[in-house]
Amino acid sequence: MATESGDLSDHLQGVTVTTIATFFGLVAGVAAYYVASGPNDTMGVSMLALAILAQLPIFQAAGIEVNDFSTKDHLYVVFMTFVLWFMSWGLLLTAQAV
C-alpha cells in the first residue's frame, strides 16, 4: 500500500508539534521548580506561559506554518504543554517533600 508524500509530511508535522510541545512543557516544569518558591508562587505559571509563547518561533524555525493552525491545533499545543508542565513540576515538588 503506497502512501502519498503529503500524508507522511502531515504525520511528520504532527509528531514534530507534539515533540516540541511536550519538551517545552517538561522544561517549563523544571524551570518552575527552580524559579518559583513553591506551589503558590505565580512564577510557576509564568514559566508555563513563557513556554507556550516561545514555541511559536520554534515551530516556524522547524518549517511548520503556524498561521495554518486552527483553534484545535492551538488548544492541542497549549494542552500538551500544560500537562507536561503540571506533571513535571508536581513530581519535583512532591519529591522535595519526601
N, C-alpha and C. Protein backbone atom coordinates (compact mmCIF):
# COMPACT_ATOMS: atom_id res chain seq x y z
N MET A 1 0.85 -1.17 0.00
CA MET A 1 0.00 0.00 0.00
C MET A 1 0.90 1.24 0.00
N ALA A 2 0.80 2.03 -1.02
CA ALA A 2 1.63 3.21 -1.16
C ALA A 2 1.04 4.37 -0.36
N THR A 3 1.92 5.16 0.20
CA THR A 3 1.48 6.35 0.93
C THR A 3 1.87 7.58 0.13
N GLU A 4 1.03 8.56 0.18
CA GLU A 4 1.33 9.82 -0.50
C GLU A 4 2.31 10.61 0.34
N SER A 5 3.14 11.39 -0.31
CA SER A 5 4.12 12.18 0.44
C SER A 5 3.44 13.22 1.32
N GLY A 6 2.27 13.68 0.96
CA GLY A 6 1.54 14.64 1.78
C GLY A 6 1.11 14.04 3.10
N ASP A 7 0.72 12.75 3.08
CA ASP A 7 0.33 12.08 4.31
C ASP A 7 1.51 11.96 5.27
N LEU A 8 2.66 11.58 4.74
CA LEU A 8 3.84 11.45 5.58
C LEU A 8 4.27 12.81 6.12
N SER A 9 4.19 13.82 5.31
CA SER A 9 4.55 15.16 5.74
C SER A 9 3.61 15.64 6.85
N ASP A 10 2.31 15.37 6.70
CA ASP A 10 1.36 15.74 7.74
C ASP A 10 1.64 14.99 9.03
N HIS A 11 1.98 13.71 8.90
CA HIS A 11 2.29 12.90 10.08
C HIS A 11 3.57 13.42 10.75
N LEU A 12 4.58 13.70 9.96
CA LEU A 12 5.84 14.21 10.49
C LEU A 12 5.63 15.56 11.17
N GLN A 13 4.78 16.40 10.60
CA GLN A 13 4.47 17.69 11.21
C GLN A 13 3.77 17.49 12.55
N GLY A 14 2.85 16.54 12.63
CA GLY A 14 2.16 16.26 13.88
C GLY A 14 3.09 15.74 14.95
N VAL A 15 4.01 14.86 14.57
CA VAL A 15 4.98 14.33 15.52
C VAL A 15 5.91 15.45 16.00
N THR A 16 6.31 16.32 15.11
CA THR A 16 7.18 17.44 15.46
C THR A 16 6.50 18.38 16.44
N VAL A 17 5.25 18.72 16.16
CA VAL A 17 4.50 19.61 17.05
C VAL A 17 4.34 18.98 18.43
N THR A 18 4.01 17.71 18.47
CA THR A 18 3.84 17.01 19.75
C THR A 18 5.16 16.96 20.52
N THR A 19 6.24 16.67 19.84
CA THR A 19 7.55 16.59 20.50
C THR A 19 7.96 17.94 21.07
N ILE A 20 7.80 18.98 20.29
CA ILE A 20 8.19 20.32 20.77
C ILE A 20 7.31 20.75 21.94
N ALA A 21 6.01 20.52 21.85
CA ALA A 21 5.09 20.92 22.92
C ALA A 21 5.39 20.18 24.22
N THR A 22 5.64 18.89 24.13
CA THR A 22 5.93 18.13 25.35
C THR A 22 7.30 18.49 25.93
N PHE A 23 8.27 18.72 25.06
CA PHE A 23 9.60 19.12 25.54
C PHE A 23 9.53 20.46 26.26
N PHE A 24 8.83 21.42 25.68
CA PHE A 24 8.72 22.73 26.31
C PHE A 24 7.93 22.65 27.61
N GLY A 25 6.95 21.77 27.69
CA GLY A 25 6.21 21.58 28.94
C GLY A 25 7.11 21.03 30.03
N LEU A 26 7.94 20.07 29.67
CA LEU A 26 8.88 19.49 30.63
C LEU A 26 9.89 20.54 31.10
N VAL A 27 10.42 21.29 30.18
CA VAL A 27 11.39 22.34 30.52
C VAL A 27 10.74 23.41 31.40
N ALA A 28 9.49 23.76 31.09
CA ALA A 28 8.78 24.75 31.90
C ALA A 28 8.55 24.25 33.32
N GLY A 29 8.26 22.95 33.48
CA GLY A 29 8.07 22.39 34.81
C GLY A 29 9.34 22.41 35.63
N VAL A 30 10.45 22.06 35.01
CA VAL A 30 11.74 22.08 35.70
C VAL A 30 12.12 23.52 36.03
N ALA A 31 11.90 24.44 35.09
CA ALA A 31 12.20 25.85 35.34
C ALA A 31 11.32 26.41 36.46
N ALA A 32 10.06 26.02 36.49
CA ALA A 32 9.16 26.48 37.56
C ALA A 32 9.64 25.98 38.92
N TYR A 33 10.17 24.78 38.95
CA TYR A 33 10.67 24.23 40.21
C TYR A 33 11.83 25.07 40.74
N TYR A 34 12.72 25.49 39.86
CA TYR A 34 13.88 26.26 40.29
C TYR A 34 13.60 27.74 40.48
N VAL A 35 12.63 28.29 39.76
CA VAL A 35 12.36 29.73 39.82
C VAL A 35 11.33 30.07 40.90
N ALA A 36 10.29 29.27 41.01
CA ALA A 36 9.21 29.55 41.96
C ALA A 36 9.61 29.08 43.35
N SER A 37 9.10 29.79 44.36
CA SER A 37 9.43 29.44 45.74
C SER A 37 8.55 28.31 46.27
N GLY A 38 7.49 27.98 45.57
CA GLY A 38 6.60 26.91 45.99
C GLY A 38 5.39 26.83 45.07
N PRO A 39 4.43 25.98 45.40
CA PRO A 39 3.28 25.81 44.52
C PRO A 39 2.36 27.03 44.47
N ASN A 40 2.45 27.92 45.43
CA ASN A 40 1.59 29.11 45.43
C ASN A 40 2.23 30.30 44.72
N ASP A 41 3.46 30.18 44.29
CA ASP A 41 4.16 31.26 43.61
C ASP A 41 3.71 31.34 42.15
N THR A 42 3.34 32.53 41.70
CA THR A 42 2.85 32.70 40.34
C THR A 42 3.95 32.61 39.28
N MET A 43 5.20 32.57 39.71
CA MET A 43 6.29 32.41 38.74
C MET A 43 6.21 31.05 38.05
N GLY A 44 5.63 30.07 38.71
CA GLY A 44 5.46 28.76 38.10
C GLY A 44 4.54 28.82 36.89
N VAL A 45 3.45 29.54 37.03
CA VAL A 45 2.51 29.72 35.91
C VAL A 45 3.14 30.60 34.84
N SER A 46 3.98 31.53 35.25
CA SER A 46 4.67 32.38 34.28
C SER A 46 5.60 31.56 33.39
N MET A 47 6.21 30.54 33.97
CA MET A 47 7.06 29.65 33.18
C MET A 47 6.24 28.90 32.14
N LEU A 48 5.03 28.51 32.51
CA LEU A 48 4.13 27.84 31.57
C LEU A 48 3.77 28.78 30.41
N ALA A 49 3.39 30.00 30.74
CA ALA A 49 3.02 30.97 29.70
C ALA A 49 4.19 31.28 28.78
N LEU A 50 5.37 31.40 29.37
CA LEU A 50 6.57 31.66 28.57
C LEU A 50 6.87 30.50 27.63
N ALA A 51 6.68 29.28 28.12
CA ALA A 51 6.94 28.10 27.29
C ALA A 51 5.95 28.02 26.13
N ILE A 52 4.70 28.36 26.38
CA ILE A 52 3.69 28.33 25.31
C ILE A 52 4.01 29.36 24.24
N LEU A 53 4.37 30.56 24.67
CA LEU A 53 4.67 31.62 23.70
C LEU A 53 5.98 31.38 22.97
N ALA A 54 6.94 30.76 23.62
CA ALA A 54 8.25 30.52 23.00
C ALA A 54 8.19 29.46 21.91
N GLN A 55 7.14 28.66 21.88
CA GLN A 55 7.05 27.60 20.90
C GLN A 55 6.76 28.10 19.49
N LEU A 56 6.06 29.20 19.37
CA LEU A 56 5.65 29.67 18.04
C LEU A 56 6.85 29.94 17.13
N PRO A 57 7.89 30.65 17.58
CA PRO A 57 9.06 30.81 16.69
C PRO A 57 9.80 29.50 16.44
N ILE A 58 9.76 28.59 17.41
CA ILE A 58 10.42 27.29 17.22
C ILE A 58 9.69 26.49 16.14
N PHE A 59 8.36 26.54 16.15
CA PHE A 59 7.58 25.86 15.11
C PHE A 59 7.93 26.42 13.74
N GLN A 60 8.01 27.73 13.64
CA GLN A 60 8.33 28.36 12.36
C GLN A 60 9.74 27.99 11.91
N ALA A 61 10.68 27.93 12.85
CA ALA A 61 12.05 27.54 12.51
C ALA A 61 12.12 26.09 12.05
N ALA A 62 11.19 25.27 12.56
CA ALA A 62 11.15 23.86 12.16
C ALA A 62 10.41 23.67 10.83
N GLY A 63 9.94 24.75 10.24
CA GLY A 63 9.26 24.67 8.95
C GLY A 63 7.77 24.42 9.04
N ILE A 64 7.20 24.62 10.21
CA ILE A 64 5.76 24.42 10.40
C ILE A 64 5.07 25.77 10.29
N GLU A 65 4.07 25.84 9.44
CA GLU A 65 3.34 27.10 9.22
C GLU A 65 2.31 27.29 10.32
N VAL A 66 2.64 28.16 11.27
CA VAL A 66 1.77 28.39 12.43
C VAL A 66 0.50 29.13 12.01
N ASN A 67 0.56 29.90 10.96
CA ASN A 67 -0.62 30.65 10.50
C ASN A 67 -1.72 29.70 10.01
N ASP A 68 -1.36 28.48 9.65
CA ASP A 68 -2.34 27.49 9.20
C ASP A 68 -2.97 26.72 10.35
N PHE A 69 -2.52 26.96 11.58
CA PHE A 69 -3.07 26.26 12.74
C PHE A 69 -4.52 26.68 12.96
N SER A 70 -5.36 25.71 13.25
CA SER A 70 -6.74 26.00 13.63
C SER A 70 -6.79 26.20 15.14
N THR A 71 -7.95 26.56 15.64
CA THR A 71 -8.12 26.72 17.08
C THR A 71 -7.83 25.40 17.78
N LYS A 72 -8.24 24.30 17.18
CA LYS A 72 -7.99 22.97 17.74
C LYS A 72 -6.49 22.70 17.86
N ASP A 73 -5.70 23.10 16.87
CA ASP A 73 -4.26 22.90 16.92
C ASP A 73 -3.62 23.71 18.03
N HIS A 74 -4.04 24.95 18.17
CA HIS A 74 -3.51 25.79 19.25
C HIS A 74 -3.88 25.23 20.62
N LEU A 75 -5.11 24.78 20.76
CA LEU A 75 -5.53 24.19 22.04
C LEU A 75 -4.74 22.92 22.34
N TYR A 76 -4.44 22.15 21.32
CA TYR A 76 -3.65 20.93 21.49
C TYR A 76 -2.26 21.27 22.02
N VAL A 77 -1.62 22.27 21.43
CA VAL A 77 -0.28 22.68 21.86
C VAL A 77 -0.32 23.17 23.30
N VAL A 78 -1.31 23.98 23.63
CA VAL A 78 -1.44 24.51 24.99
C VAL A 78 -1.69 23.36 25.97
N PHE A 79 -2.57 22.43 25.61
CA PHE A 79 -2.89 21.32 26.50
C PHE A 79 -1.68 20.42 26.74
N MET A 80 -0.96 20.06 25.68
CA MET A 80 0.20 19.20 25.84
C MET A 80 1.28 19.87 26.68
N THR A 81 1.50 21.16 26.46
CA THR A 81 2.48 21.89 27.24
C THR A 81 2.05 21.96 28.70
N PHE A 82 0.76 22.24 28.93
CA PHE A 82 0.24 22.32 30.30
C PHE A 82 0.39 20.99 31.03
N VAL A 83 0.03 19.90 30.38
CA VAL A 83 0.06 18.59 31.04
C VAL A 83 1.49 18.23 31.46
N LEU A 84 2.45 18.41 30.57
CA LEU A 84 3.84 18.08 30.93
C LEU A 84 4.38 19.04 31.98
N TRP A 85 4.02 20.31 31.91
CA TRP A 85 4.44 21.27 32.93
C TRP A 85 3.86 20.87 34.29
N PHE A 86 2.58 20.55 34.33
CA PHE A 86 1.90 20.19 35.57
C PHE A 86 2.50 18.93 36.18
N MET A 87 2.71 17.91 35.35
CA MET A 87 3.24 16.65 35.87
C MET A 87 4.69 16.80 36.35
N SER A 88 5.52 17.46 35.57
CA SER A 88 6.93 17.56 35.95
C SER A 88 7.11 18.46 37.17
N TRP A 89 6.42 19.58 37.23
CA TRP A 89 6.54 20.46 38.39
C TRP A 89 5.94 19.78 39.62
N GLY A 90 4.81 19.12 39.45
CA GLY A 90 4.18 18.41 40.57
C GLY A 90 5.07 17.31 41.11
N LEU A 91 5.69 16.53 40.24
CA LEU A 91 6.58 15.47 40.68
C LEU A 91 7.80 16.03 41.40
N LEU A 92 8.34 17.11 40.89
CA LEU A 92 9.51 17.71 41.55
C LEU A 92 9.12 18.29 42.91
N LEU A 93 7.95 18.88 43.03
CA LEU A 93 7.52 19.43 44.31
C LEU A 93 7.27 18.33 45.33
N THR A 94 6.68 17.22 44.91
CA THR A 94 6.41 16.14 45.86
C THR A 94 7.69 15.37 46.20
N ALA A 95 8.63 15.30 45.29
CA ALA A 95 9.89 14.63 45.57
C ALA A 95 10.68 15.41 46.61
N GLN A 96 10.50 16.71 46.65
CA GLN A 96 11.16 17.56 47.64
C GLN A 96 10.63 17.26 49.03
N ALA A 97 9.36 16.93 49.16
CA ALA A 97 8.73 16.69 50.46
C ALA A 97 9.16 15.35 51.04
N VAL A 98 9.61 14.42 50.23
CA VAL A 98 9.96 13.08 50.72
C VAL A 98 11.30 13.07 51.40
